[in-house]
N, C-alpha and C. Protein backbone atom coordinates (compact mmCIF):
# COMPACT_ATOMS: atom_id res chain seq x y z
N MET A 1 0.84 -1.20 0.00
CA MET A 1 0.00 0.00 0.00
C MET A 1 0.87 1.25 0.00
N ALA A 2 0.62 2.15 -0.92
CA ALA A 2 1.44 3.35 -1.04
C ALA A 2 1.24 4.27 0.16
N GLU A 3 2.35 4.93 0.55
CA GLU A 3 2.29 5.85 1.68
C GLU A 3 1.55 7.13 1.28
N ASN A 4 0.73 7.63 2.18
CA ASN A 4 0.02 8.89 1.95
C ASN A 4 1.03 10.00 1.70
N PRO A 5 0.92 10.75 0.58
CA PRO A 5 1.90 11.80 0.26
C PRO A 5 2.02 12.86 1.36
N GLN A 6 0.91 13.20 1.99
CA GLN A 6 0.96 14.21 3.05
C GLN A 6 1.72 13.71 4.26
N ILE A 7 1.50 12.44 4.62
CA ILE A 7 2.23 11.85 5.74
C ILE A 7 3.72 11.76 5.41
N LYS A 8 4.02 11.39 4.17
CA LYS A 8 5.42 11.31 3.76
C LYS A 8 6.10 12.67 3.84
N THR A 9 5.42 13.72 3.38
CA THR A 9 5.99 15.07 3.43
C THR A 9 6.21 15.50 4.88
N LYS A 10 5.23 15.25 5.72
CA LYS A 10 5.34 15.62 7.13
C LYS A 10 6.53 14.90 7.78
N THR A 11 6.69 13.62 7.46
CA THR A 11 7.81 12.85 8.02
C THR A 11 9.15 13.38 7.53
N LEU A 12 9.22 13.74 6.26
CA LEU A 12 10.45 14.31 5.71
C LEU A 12 10.84 15.59 6.46
N ILE A 13 9.86 16.42 6.74
CA ILE A 13 10.12 17.68 7.45
C ILE A 13 10.58 17.41 8.87
N LEU A 14 9.90 16.49 9.56
CA LEU A 14 10.28 16.15 10.94
C LEU A 14 11.68 15.56 10.99
N ASP A 15 11.99 14.66 10.07
CA ASP A 15 13.33 14.05 10.04
C ASP A 15 14.41 15.09 9.78
N ALA A 16 14.14 15.99 8.84
CA ALA A 16 15.11 17.03 8.51
C ALA A 16 15.32 17.97 9.70
N ALA A 17 14.23 18.39 10.32
CA ALA A 17 14.33 19.28 11.48
C ALA A 17 15.10 18.60 12.61
N GLU A 18 14.83 17.34 12.85
CA GLU A 18 15.51 16.61 13.92
C GLU A 18 17.02 16.56 13.66
N ARG A 19 17.41 16.25 12.43
CA ARG A 19 18.83 16.19 12.09
C ARG A 19 19.50 17.55 12.30
N LEU A 20 18.85 18.60 11.82
CA LEU A 20 19.44 19.93 11.92
C LEU A 20 19.47 20.42 13.36
N PHE A 21 18.42 20.15 14.13
CA PHE A 21 18.42 20.54 15.54
C PHE A 21 19.57 19.84 16.27
N ALA A 22 19.82 18.58 15.93
CA ALA A 22 20.90 17.82 16.56
C ALA A 22 22.26 18.40 16.18
N GLU A 23 22.43 18.75 14.92
CA GLU A 23 23.73 19.21 14.43
C GLU A 23 24.03 20.65 14.80
N GLN A 24 23.01 21.52 14.73
CA GLN A 24 23.24 22.96 14.85
C GLN A 24 22.66 23.58 16.12
N GLY A 25 21.72 22.89 16.73
CA GLY A 25 20.99 23.48 17.83
C GLY A 25 19.66 24.04 17.34
N ILE A 26 18.68 24.08 18.22
CA ILE A 26 17.35 24.53 17.82
C ILE A 26 17.35 26.01 17.47
N GLY A 27 18.00 26.80 18.30
CA GLY A 27 18.00 28.25 18.07
C GLY A 27 18.73 28.67 16.82
N HIS A 28 19.69 27.86 16.36
CA HIS A 28 20.49 28.22 15.19
C HIS A 28 19.97 27.60 13.90
N THR A 29 18.84 26.93 13.97
CA THR A 29 18.26 26.31 12.78
C THR A 29 17.05 27.11 12.33
N SER A 30 17.05 27.52 11.08
CA SER A 30 15.94 28.30 10.53
C SER A 30 15.00 27.40 9.74
N LEU A 31 13.78 27.88 9.55
CA LEU A 31 12.83 27.14 8.71
C LEU A 31 13.35 26.98 7.29
N ARG A 32 14.05 28.01 6.81
CA ARG A 32 14.61 27.93 5.46
C ARG A 32 15.58 26.75 5.34
N GLN A 33 16.38 26.53 6.37
CA GLN A 33 17.31 25.39 6.35
C GLN A 33 16.57 24.07 6.40
N VAL A 34 15.51 24.01 7.19
CA VAL A 34 14.71 22.78 7.27
C VAL A 34 14.09 22.48 5.91
N ILE A 35 13.57 23.49 5.26
CA ILE A 35 12.96 23.34 3.94
C ILE A 35 13.97 22.77 2.94
N ALA A 36 15.17 23.34 2.97
CA ALA A 36 16.21 22.89 2.04
C ALA A 36 16.61 21.45 2.33
N GLU A 37 16.74 21.12 3.61
CA GLU A 37 17.15 19.77 4.01
C GLU A 37 16.08 18.74 3.63
N ALA A 38 14.82 19.10 3.82
CA ALA A 38 13.72 18.17 3.53
C ALA A 38 13.34 18.15 2.06
N LYS A 39 13.82 19.15 1.31
CA LYS A 39 13.50 19.27 -0.11
C LYS A 39 11.99 19.42 -0.33
N VAL A 40 11.41 20.33 0.45
CA VAL A 40 9.99 20.67 0.30
C VAL A 40 9.88 22.18 0.18
N ASN A 41 8.66 22.69 -0.03
CA ASN A 41 8.50 24.13 -0.13
C ASN A 41 7.94 24.70 1.18
N ILE A 42 8.02 26.00 1.31
CA ILE A 42 7.59 26.66 2.54
C ILE A 42 6.12 26.42 2.84
N ALA A 43 5.32 26.27 1.81
CA ALA A 43 3.88 26.04 2.00
C ALA A 43 3.64 24.73 2.75
N ALA A 44 4.46 23.73 2.48
CA ALA A 44 4.30 22.43 3.14
C ALA A 44 4.56 22.54 4.64
N VAL A 45 5.58 23.32 5.00
CA VAL A 45 5.90 23.51 6.42
C VAL A 45 4.77 24.23 7.13
N HIS A 46 4.28 25.29 6.52
CA HIS A 46 3.19 26.05 7.14
C HIS A 46 1.89 25.24 7.19
N TYR A 47 1.69 24.40 6.19
CA TYR A 47 0.47 23.58 6.17
C TYR A 47 0.47 22.58 7.32
N HIS A 48 1.61 21.91 7.53
CA HIS A 48 1.67 20.86 8.53
C HIS A 48 1.95 21.37 9.94
N PHE A 49 2.67 22.49 10.07
CA PHE A 49 3.11 22.93 11.40
C PHE A 49 2.76 24.38 11.74
N GLY A 50 2.66 25.23 10.76
CA GLY A 50 2.25 26.60 11.02
C GLY A 50 3.36 27.54 11.40
N SER A 51 4.31 27.08 12.23
CA SER A 51 5.39 27.97 12.69
C SER A 51 6.56 27.11 13.15
N LYS A 52 7.69 27.76 13.36
CA LYS A 52 8.86 27.03 13.87
C LYS A 52 8.57 26.49 15.26
N GLU A 53 7.87 27.26 16.09
CA GLU A 53 7.56 26.82 17.45
C GLU A 53 6.75 25.52 17.44
N GLN A 54 5.78 25.44 16.55
CA GLN A 54 4.97 24.23 16.45
C GLN A 54 5.77 23.06 15.87
N LEU A 55 6.71 23.37 14.99
CA LEU A 55 7.58 22.33 14.45
C LEU A 55 8.48 21.77 15.55
N ILE A 56 9.03 22.63 16.39
CA ILE A 56 9.86 22.18 17.51
C ILE A 56 9.06 21.23 18.40
N TYR A 57 7.82 21.63 18.72
CA TYR A 57 6.99 20.78 19.57
C TYR A 57 6.73 19.44 18.90
N ALA A 58 6.46 19.45 17.61
CA ALA A 58 6.17 18.21 16.88
C ALA A 58 7.37 17.27 16.86
N VAL A 59 8.58 17.83 16.71
CA VAL A 59 9.79 17.01 16.72
C VAL A 59 9.94 16.32 18.07
N LEU A 60 9.71 17.06 19.15
CA LEU A 60 9.83 16.49 20.49
C LEU A 60 8.70 15.50 20.77
N GLU A 61 7.49 15.88 20.41
CA GLU A 61 6.32 15.05 20.69
C GLU A 61 6.41 13.69 20.01
N ARG A 62 6.90 13.66 18.79
CA ARG A 62 6.95 12.41 18.01
C ARG A 62 7.72 11.32 18.73
N ARG A 63 8.78 11.68 19.42
CA ARG A 63 9.60 10.69 20.12
C ARG A 63 9.18 10.52 21.58
N ILE A 64 8.81 11.62 22.23
CA ILE A 64 8.57 11.58 23.68
C ILE A 64 7.26 10.90 24.05
N ILE A 65 6.20 11.11 23.26
CA ILE A 65 4.91 10.51 23.60
C ILE A 65 5.01 8.98 23.67
N PRO A 66 5.60 8.30 22.69
CA PRO A 66 5.74 6.83 22.82
C PRO A 66 6.57 6.41 24.03
N ILE A 67 7.62 7.19 24.33
CA ILE A 67 8.44 6.89 25.51
C ILE A 67 7.59 6.98 26.77
N ASN A 68 6.82 8.05 26.89
CA ASN A 68 5.98 8.23 28.07
C ASN A 68 4.91 7.15 28.18
N GLU A 69 4.34 6.75 27.06
CA GLU A 69 3.34 5.69 27.09
C GLU A 69 3.93 4.39 27.62
N GLU A 70 5.17 4.10 27.21
CA GLU A 70 5.83 2.89 27.72
C GLU A 70 6.15 3.04 29.21
N ARG A 71 6.57 4.22 29.62
CA ARG A 71 6.82 4.47 31.04
C ARG A 71 5.56 4.20 31.87
N PHE A 72 4.44 4.74 31.42
CA PHE A 72 3.19 4.58 32.17
C PHE A 72 2.76 3.11 32.20
N LYS A 73 2.96 2.40 31.10
CA LYS A 73 2.60 0.98 31.06
C LYS A 73 3.41 0.20 32.09
N MET A 74 4.71 0.47 32.16
CA MET A 74 5.57 -0.21 33.13
C MET A 74 5.18 0.17 34.56
N LEU A 75 4.91 1.45 34.78
CA LEU A 75 4.54 1.91 36.13
C LEU A 75 3.19 1.34 36.54
N ASP A 76 2.25 1.27 35.61
CA ASP A 76 0.95 0.67 35.90
C ASP A 76 1.12 -0.77 36.40
N ALA A 77 2.01 -1.53 35.76
CA ALA A 77 2.24 -2.92 36.15
C ALA A 77 2.85 -3.01 37.54
N ILE A 78 3.77 -2.10 37.85
CA ILE A 78 4.39 -2.08 39.18
C ILE A 78 3.35 -1.78 40.25
N GLU A 79 2.51 -0.80 39.99
CA GLU A 79 1.48 -0.41 40.96
C GLU A 79 0.44 -1.51 41.14
N ALA A 80 0.07 -2.18 40.05
CA ALA A 80 -0.90 -3.26 40.14
C ALA A 80 -0.36 -4.42 40.96
N ALA A 81 0.92 -4.75 40.78
CA ALA A 81 1.53 -5.85 41.53
C ALA A 81 1.65 -5.52 43.02
N ALA A 82 1.87 -4.24 43.34
CA ALA A 82 2.06 -3.83 44.74
C ALA A 82 0.75 -3.69 45.49
N GLY A 83 -0.35 -3.51 44.78
CA GLY A 83 -1.62 -3.30 45.46
C GLY A 83 -1.59 -2.04 46.30
N GLU A 84 -1.98 -2.17 47.57
CA GLU A 84 -1.97 -1.01 48.48
C GLU A 84 -0.66 -0.87 49.23
N GLY A 85 0.27 -1.77 48.97
CA GLY A 85 1.54 -1.75 49.70
C GLY A 85 2.54 -0.76 49.11
N PRO A 86 3.73 -0.69 49.72
CA PRO A 86 4.79 0.20 49.21
C PRO A 86 5.29 -0.28 47.85
N LEU A 87 5.81 0.63 47.09
CA LEU A 87 6.34 0.27 45.77
C LEU A 87 7.84 0.01 45.86
N PRO A 88 8.35 -0.95 45.07
CA PRO A 88 9.79 -1.21 45.04
C PRO A 88 10.51 -0.12 44.24
N LEU A 89 11.62 0.36 44.77
CA LEU A 89 12.28 1.53 44.19
C LEU A 89 12.92 1.25 42.83
N GLU A 90 13.72 0.17 42.75
CA GLU A 90 14.46 -0.07 41.50
C GLU A 90 13.55 -0.22 40.28
N PRO A 91 12.44 -0.94 40.37
CA PRO A 91 11.56 -1.02 39.19
C PRO A 91 10.98 0.33 38.77
N ILE A 92 10.74 1.22 39.73
CA ILE A 92 10.25 2.56 39.36
C ILE A 92 11.31 3.29 38.54
N ILE A 93 12.55 3.23 39.03
CA ILE A 93 13.65 3.89 38.31
C ILE A 93 13.81 3.28 36.93
N GLU A 94 13.72 1.96 36.85
CA GLU A 94 13.85 1.30 35.55
C GLU A 94 12.72 1.71 34.61
N ALA A 95 11.50 1.85 35.16
CA ALA A 95 10.37 2.27 34.32
C ALA A 95 10.59 3.66 33.75
N PHE A 96 11.30 4.50 34.48
CA PHE A 96 11.60 5.85 34.00
C PHE A 96 12.72 5.85 32.97
N ILE A 97 13.71 4.99 33.20
CA ILE A 97 14.94 5.02 32.40
C ILE A 97 14.88 4.15 31.15
N ARG A 98 14.35 2.94 31.27
CA ARG A 98 14.46 1.99 30.17
C ARG A 98 13.86 2.49 28.85
N PRO A 99 12.65 3.07 28.84
CA PRO A 99 12.09 3.51 27.56
C PRO A 99 12.97 4.50 26.79
N PRO A 100 13.45 5.59 27.42
CA PRO A 100 14.32 6.48 26.64
C PRO A 100 15.68 5.87 26.35
N PHE A 101 16.13 4.97 27.23
CA PHE A 101 17.45 4.38 27.04
C PHE A 101 17.50 3.51 25.79
N ARG A 102 16.34 3.00 25.38
CA ARG A 102 16.29 2.21 24.15
C ARG A 102 16.78 3.03 22.95
N LEU A 103 16.53 4.34 22.99
CA LEU A 103 16.97 5.19 21.88
C LEU A 103 18.49 5.17 21.75
N ARG A 104 19.17 5.12 22.90
CA ARG A 104 20.63 5.15 22.91
C ARG A 104 21.23 3.79 22.57
N SER A 105 20.53 2.72 22.98
CA SER A 105 21.12 1.38 22.86
C SER A 105 20.65 0.61 21.64
N ASN A 106 19.80 1.22 20.81
CA ASN A 106 19.28 0.52 19.63
C ASN A 106 19.57 1.33 18.37
N PRO A 107 20.79 1.22 17.83
CA PRO A 107 21.14 1.99 16.64
C PRO A 107 20.21 1.72 15.46
N ALA A 108 19.63 0.52 15.40
CA ALA A 108 18.76 0.17 14.27
C ALA A 108 17.51 1.04 14.25
N ALA A 109 17.14 1.59 15.43
CA ALA A 109 15.96 2.45 15.48
C ALA A 109 16.22 3.82 14.87
N ASN A 110 17.50 4.15 14.66
CA ASN A 110 17.87 5.40 14.00
C ASN A 110 17.36 6.63 14.76
N HIS A 111 17.45 6.57 16.09
CA HIS A 111 17.01 7.69 16.90
C HIS A 111 18.19 8.49 17.47
N GLY A 112 19.40 8.24 16.95
CA GLY A 112 20.57 8.91 17.48
C GLY A 112 20.46 10.43 17.43
N SER A 113 19.86 10.94 16.37
CA SER A 113 19.72 12.39 16.25
C SER A 113 18.85 12.94 17.36
N PHE A 114 17.80 12.21 17.73
CA PHE A 114 16.91 12.73 18.77
C PHE A 114 17.59 12.74 20.13
N VAL A 115 18.43 11.75 20.41
CA VAL A 115 19.19 11.77 21.66
C VAL A 115 20.03 13.04 21.72
N ARG A 116 20.63 13.40 20.60
CA ARG A 116 21.44 14.63 20.55
C ARG A 116 20.55 15.87 20.67
N VAL A 117 19.34 15.82 20.10
CA VAL A 117 18.41 16.94 20.25
C VAL A 117 18.09 17.16 21.72
N MET A 118 17.85 16.08 22.45
CA MET A 118 17.54 16.20 23.88
C MET A 118 18.72 16.78 24.63
N GLY A 119 19.92 16.40 24.24
CA GLY A 119 21.10 17.00 24.85
C GLY A 119 21.16 18.50 24.59
N ARG A 120 20.82 18.90 23.37
CA ARG A 120 20.76 20.33 23.03
C ARG A 120 19.72 21.04 23.88
N CYS A 121 18.57 20.40 24.07
CA CYS A 121 17.50 21.01 24.86
C CYS A 121 17.94 21.27 26.29
N MET A 122 18.73 20.37 26.84
CA MET A 122 19.21 20.54 28.21
C MET A 122 20.26 21.64 28.32
N ASN A 123 21.11 21.73 27.32
CA ASN A 123 22.22 22.69 27.37
C ASN A 123 21.89 24.04 26.76
N GLU A 124 20.86 24.09 25.90
CA GLU A 124 20.50 25.34 25.23
C GLU A 124 19.00 25.60 25.38
N PRO A 125 18.53 25.72 26.62
CA PRO A 125 17.08 25.87 26.81
C PRO A 125 16.56 27.19 26.26
N ASN A 126 15.34 27.18 25.76
CA ASN A 126 14.66 28.41 25.37
C ASN A 126 13.20 28.29 25.76
N GLU A 127 12.45 29.37 25.61
CA GLU A 127 11.07 29.38 26.08
C GLU A 127 10.20 28.34 25.38
N THR A 128 10.42 28.14 24.09
CA THR A 128 9.62 27.17 23.35
C THR A 128 9.87 25.76 23.87
N VAL A 129 11.14 25.43 24.10
CA VAL A 129 11.48 24.10 24.61
C VAL A 129 10.94 23.92 26.02
N GLN A 130 11.08 24.93 26.86
CA GLN A 130 10.58 24.82 28.22
C GLN A 130 9.06 24.62 28.25
N ALA A 131 8.35 25.32 27.39
CA ALA A 131 6.91 25.16 27.31
C ALA A 131 6.55 23.75 26.82
N ALA A 132 7.29 23.26 25.83
CA ALA A 132 7.05 21.92 25.32
C ALA A 132 7.30 20.87 26.39
N PHE A 133 8.38 21.02 27.14
CA PHE A 133 8.70 20.07 28.20
C PHE A 133 7.60 20.07 29.27
N GLY A 134 7.07 21.26 29.58
CA GLY A 134 5.99 21.33 30.55
C GLY A 134 4.78 20.53 30.11
N ARG A 135 4.45 20.59 28.83
CA ARG A 135 3.30 19.85 28.30
C ARG A 135 3.58 18.36 28.19
N LEU A 136 4.80 18.03 27.80
CA LEU A 136 5.12 16.63 27.52
C LEU A 136 5.50 15.83 28.76
N PHE A 137 6.03 16.50 29.77
CA PHE A 137 6.52 15.78 30.95
C PHE A 137 5.73 16.05 32.22
N GLY A 138 4.70 16.90 32.15
CA GLY A 138 3.93 17.22 33.34
C GLY A 138 3.33 15.99 34.01
N GLU A 139 2.68 15.14 33.23
CA GLU A 139 2.05 13.95 33.80
C GLU A 139 3.09 12.93 34.25
N VAL A 140 4.22 12.87 33.54
CA VAL A 140 5.30 11.97 33.94
C VAL A 140 5.81 12.35 35.32
N ILE A 141 6.06 13.62 35.52
CA ILE A 141 6.55 14.09 36.82
C ILE A 141 5.55 13.77 37.91
N LYS A 142 4.28 14.01 37.65
CA LYS A 142 3.22 13.75 38.64
C LYS A 142 3.18 12.28 39.02
N ARG A 143 3.17 11.40 38.01
CA ARG A 143 3.04 9.97 38.28
C ARG A 143 4.27 9.41 39.01
N PHE A 144 5.45 9.80 38.55
CA PHE A 144 6.66 9.23 39.14
C PHE A 144 6.95 9.83 40.51
N MET A 145 6.62 11.08 40.73
CA MET A 145 6.76 11.64 42.07
C MET A 145 5.88 10.88 43.06
N ALA A 146 4.64 10.59 42.69
CA ALA A 146 3.73 9.83 43.55
C ALA A 146 4.30 8.43 43.83
N ALA A 147 4.91 7.82 42.81
CA ALA A 147 5.49 6.49 42.99
C ALA A 147 6.69 6.54 43.93
N TYR A 148 7.56 7.53 43.75
CA TYR A 148 8.72 7.66 44.64
C TYR A 148 8.29 7.92 46.08
N LEU A 149 7.23 8.68 46.28
CA LEU A 149 6.73 8.93 47.64
C LEU A 149 6.26 7.63 48.29
N ARG A 150 5.66 6.74 47.51
CA ARG A 150 5.24 5.45 48.06
C ARG A 150 6.44 4.54 48.34
N ALA A 151 7.49 4.68 47.53
CA ALA A 151 8.67 3.84 47.71
C ALA A 151 9.57 4.34 48.84
N LEU A 152 9.55 5.64 49.08
CA LEU A 152 10.44 6.25 50.08
C LEU A 152 9.63 7.16 51.00
N PRO A 153 8.71 6.59 51.77
CA PRO A 153 7.83 7.41 52.61
C PRO A 153 8.56 8.18 53.70
N GLU A 154 9.80 7.79 54.00
CA GLU A 154 10.55 8.48 55.05
C GLU A 154 11.13 9.82 54.59
N LEU A 155 11.10 10.07 53.27
CA LEU A 155 11.66 11.31 52.73
C LEU A 155 10.56 12.32 52.43
N PRO A 156 10.81 13.61 52.68
CA PRO A 156 9.83 14.63 52.33
C PRO A 156 9.77 14.83 50.82
N PRO A 157 8.65 15.31 50.31
CA PRO A 157 8.50 15.48 48.85
C PRO A 157 9.59 16.34 48.22
N GLU A 158 10.00 17.41 48.90
CA GLU A 158 11.02 18.29 48.33
C GLU A 158 12.33 17.55 48.12
N GLU A 159 12.68 16.71 49.09
CA GLU A 159 13.94 15.95 48.97
C GLU A 159 13.84 14.93 47.85
N ILE A 160 12.70 14.28 47.72
CA ILE A 160 12.52 13.31 46.63
C ILE A 160 12.60 14.01 45.28
N MET A 161 12.04 15.22 45.19
CA MET A 161 12.11 15.94 43.93
C MET A 161 13.56 16.29 43.56
N TRP A 162 14.35 16.70 44.55
CA TRP A 162 15.77 16.95 44.30
C TRP A 162 16.44 15.69 43.76
N ARG A 163 16.23 14.59 44.44
CA ARG A 163 16.91 13.35 44.07
C ARG A 163 16.44 12.83 42.72
N ALA A 164 15.15 12.96 42.44
CA ALA A 164 14.64 12.56 41.12
C ALA A 164 15.25 13.44 40.02
N HIS A 165 15.42 14.72 40.33
CA HIS A 165 16.05 15.64 39.38
C HIS A 165 17.49 15.22 39.10
N PHE A 166 18.23 14.90 40.15
CA PHE A 166 19.62 14.46 39.96
C PHE A 166 19.66 13.14 39.19
N GLY A 167 18.70 12.25 39.48
CA GLY A 167 18.66 10.97 38.78
C GLY A 167 18.38 11.14 37.29
N ALA A 168 17.46 12.05 36.95
CA ALA A 168 17.16 12.31 35.55
C ALA A 168 18.37 12.91 34.84
N GLY A 169 19.11 13.76 35.55
CA GLY A 169 20.32 14.34 34.98
C GLY A 169 21.39 13.29 34.73
N THR A 170 21.50 12.35 35.65
CA THR A 170 22.46 11.25 35.48
C THR A 170 22.11 10.42 34.25
N MET A 171 20.82 10.14 34.09
CA MET A 171 20.37 9.39 32.91
C MET A 171 20.71 10.15 31.63
N ALA A 172 20.41 11.45 31.61
CA ALA A 172 20.66 12.25 30.41
C ALA A 172 22.14 12.27 30.07
N HIS A 173 22.99 12.42 31.09
CA HIS A 173 24.43 12.43 30.84
C HIS A 173 24.91 11.09 30.32
N ALA A 174 24.39 10.00 30.89
CA ALA A 174 24.79 8.67 30.43
C ALA A 174 24.39 8.45 28.98
N MET A 175 23.21 8.95 28.59
CA MET A 175 22.74 8.76 27.22
C MET A 175 23.53 9.58 26.22
N CYS A 176 23.93 10.78 26.62
CA CYS A 176 24.57 11.71 25.68
C CYS A 176 26.10 11.66 25.72
N GLY A 177 26.66 11.07 26.77
CA GLY A 177 28.11 11.15 26.95
C GLY A 177 28.88 9.90 26.61
N GLY A 178 28.31 9.01 25.81
CA GLY A 178 28.96 7.74 25.52
C GLY A 178 30.31 7.87 24.84
N GLU A 179 30.42 8.74 23.86
CA GLU A 179 31.69 8.90 23.15
C GLU A 179 32.76 9.49 24.06
N MET A 180 32.38 10.45 24.91
CA MET A 180 33.33 11.03 25.83
C MET A 180 33.81 9.99 26.84
N LEU A 181 32.89 9.15 27.33
CA LEU A 181 33.26 8.08 28.27
C LEU A 181 34.30 7.15 27.65
N LYS A 182 34.05 6.76 26.42
CA LYS A 182 34.99 5.87 25.74
C LYS A 182 36.35 6.52 25.58
N LYS A 183 36.36 7.82 25.31
CA LYS A 183 37.62 8.53 25.10
C LYS A 183 38.41 8.67 26.40
N VAL A 184 37.74 9.16 27.46
CA VAL A 184 38.47 9.41 28.72
C VAL A 184 38.90 8.10 29.38
N SER A 185 38.20 6.99 29.10
CA SER A 185 38.60 5.69 29.67
C SER A 185 39.57 4.95 28.76
N GLN A 186 39.98 5.60 27.67
CA GLN A 186 40.89 5.02 26.69
C GLN A 186 40.35 3.69 26.15
N GLY A 187 39.04 3.67 25.93
CA GLY A 187 38.42 2.51 25.32
C GLY A 187 38.02 1.40 26.28
N ARG A 188 38.36 1.53 27.56
CA ARG A 188 38.02 0.46 28.51
C ARG A 188 36.52 0.42 28.82
N LEU A 189 35.88 1.57 28.73
CA LEU A 189 34.45 1.65 29.00
C LEU A 189 33.73 2.16 27.76
N ASP A 190 32.61 1.56 27.45
CA ASP A 190 31.78 2.08 26.37
C ASP A 190 30.33 1.68 26.62
N MET A 191 29.45 2.17 25.79
CA MET A 191 28.01 1.97 25.97
C MET A 191 27.49 0.80 25.15
N GLY A 192 28.42 -0.06 24.66
CA GLY A 192 28.01 -1.13 23.76
C GLY A 192 27.00 -2.09 24.35
N ASN A 193 27.20 -2.48 25.61
CA ASN A 193 26.26 -3.38 26.28
C ASN A 193 25.21 -2.54 26.99
N GLY A 194 24.16 -2.18 26.25
CA GLY A 194 23.16 -1.27 26.79
C GLY A 194 22.48 -1.79 28.04
N GLU A 195 22.20 -3.09 28.10
CA GLU A 195 21.50 -3.66 29.26
C GLU A 195 22.36 -3.56 30.51
N ALA A 196 23.65 -3.85 30.38
CA ALA A 196 24.55 -3.77 31.54
C ALA A 196 24.67 -2.32 32.02
N VAL A 197 24.76 -1.39 31.09
CA VAL A 197 24.84 0.02 31.45
C VAL A 197 23.57 0.44 32.17
N LEU A 198 22.42 0.02 31.66
CA LEU A 198 21.15 0.40 32.27
C LEU A 198 21.06 -0.12 33.70
N GLN A 199 21.47 -1.36 33.93
CA GLN A 199 21.41 -1.91 35.28
C GLN A 199 22.36 -1.18 36.23
N ARG A 200 23.53 -0.81 35.74
CA ARG A 200 24.44 0.00 36.56
C ARG A 200 23.79 1.34 36.91
N LEU A 201 23.14 1.91 35.94
CA LEU A 201 22.52 3.22 36.12
C LEU A 201 21.38 3.14 37.13
N VAL A 202 20.56 2.11 37.04
CA VAL A 202 19.47 1.93 38.00
C VAL A 202 20.03 1.79 39.41
N ALA A 203 21.07 0.96 39.57
CA ALA A 203 21.65 0.75 40.89
C ALA A 203 22.24 2.05 41.45
N PHE A 204 22.90 2.82 40.59
CA PHE A 204 23.52 4.07 41.02
C PHE A 204 22.47 5.08 41.49
N ILE A 205 21.41 5.25 40.69
CA ILE A 205 20.37 6.21 41.04
C ILE A 205 19.62 5.76 42.29
N ALA A 206 19.37 4.45 42.41
CA ALA A 206 18.68 3.94 43.60
C ALA A 206 19.48 4.23 44.87
N ALA A 207 20.79 4.08 44.79
CA ALA A 207 21.63 4.37 45.96
C ALA A 207 21.52 5.85 46.34
N GLY A 208 21.48 6.71 45.34
CA GLY A 208 21.32 8.14 45.62
C GLY A 208 19.96 8.47 46.20
N MET A 209 18.94 7.82 45.69
CA MET A 209 17.59 8.05 46.21
C MET A 209 17.46 7.61 47.67
N ARG A 210 18.21 6.57 48.05
CA ARG A 210 18.12 6.04 49.41
C ARG A 210 19.14 6.66 50.37
N ALA A 211 19.99 7.51 49.89
CA ALA A 211 21.06 8.05 50.73
C ALA A 211 20.51 8.74 51.97
N PRO A 212 21.28 8.70 53.08
CA PRO A 212 20.84 9.41 54.29
C PRO A 212 20.63 10.89 53.99
N MET A 213 19.66 11.46 54.62
CA MET A 213 19.30 12.85 54.36
C MET A 213 20.11 13.78 55.25
N LEU A 214 20.76 14.76 54.66
CA LEU A 214 21.47 15.78 55.42
C LEU A 214 20.49 16.77 56.01
N GLY A 215 20.86 17.33 57.14
CA GLY A 215 20.05 18.42 57.67
C GLY A 215 20.14 19.62 56.75
N ALA A 216 19.13 20.45 56.76
CA ALA A 216 19.06 21.58 55.84
C ALA A 216 20.28 22.48 55.94
N ASP A 217 20.83 22.62 57.16
CA ASP A 217 21.96 23.53 57.36
C ASP A 217 23.25 22.78 57.67
N GLU A 218 23.24 21.46 57.51
CA GLU A 218 24.41 20.67 57.84
C GLU A 218 25.43 20.75 56.71
N PRO A 219 26.69 21.19 57.00
CA PRO A 219 27.68 21.31 55.93
C PRO A 219 28.18 19.95 55.46
N VAL A 220 28.50 19.87 54.20
CA VAL A 220 29.10 18.66 53.66
C VAL A 220 30.56 18.62 54.09
N LYS A 221 31.03 17.46 54.55
CA LYS A 221 32.41 17.33 55.01
C LYS A 221 33.24 16.57 54.00
N THR A 222 34.51 16.95 53.95
CA THR A 222 35.44 16.26 53.06
C THR A 222 35.90 14.98 53.73
N LYS A 223 36.71 14.20 53.03
CA LYS A 223 37.23 12.93 53.57
C LYS A 223 38.02 13.16 54.83
N GLU A 224 38.72 14.31 54.93
CA GLU A 224 39.55 14.61 56.09
C GLU A 224 38.73 15.13 57.25
N GLY A 225 37.41 15.28 57.05
CA GLY A 225 36.55 15.76 58.13
C GLY A 225 36.41 17.26 58.19
N LYS A 226 36.99 17.96 57.23
CA LYS A 226 36.89 19.41 57.20
C LYS A 226 35.60 19.81 56.49
N LYS A 227 35.07 20.96 56.85
CA LYS A 227 33.89 21.48 56.17
C LYS A 227 34.24 21.90 54.76
N ALA A 228 33.41 21.50 53.80
CA ALA A 228 33.66 21.86 52.40
C ALA A 228 33.28 23.30 52.15
């Protein structure tokens, strides 16, 4: 069955925008460049997206919505198995990490450009990206915060939010920093075994989530016992 020409054109535009956002950054990519890369005319871009802001959202939405759906499916299963009891921490972390990690560990999926786009979004934030993240991740934050509270009832919500934030940052760095890791380790470490890396990452984040809580005004001490 032949592909719908409109769907094909829309996909060409999204693919081109994703590649250029990854290579140049979102702020440095113009619609004119996207048009040239996709080999379409300006009317096609305006017909399907209307503006650059809507195109940015569409590029993010195309990849993030399926990831979030898989996250929710995994979290639903964890909650169903636990019933009214506490939730196990490591499976929650895995439910958050595994779906996006597939993009990094499955070259056949050809999502490498989007992983780089997400890295750009973290390092080069702008109002459009921040608004898109609010829409795309609002329910994710709500669901996973509730799950972490059930898994770690001894911690206050503010502390769990800090730790979840640090955990998400660790995941993002692991996904985007594979080439640097291989270089600084002189080839001893790499991201080739995605499953092993994911399990290490889950264990690392879980340890941070469970760490003893410092008092609000308690200084961090160095190994020698001096105040940092």
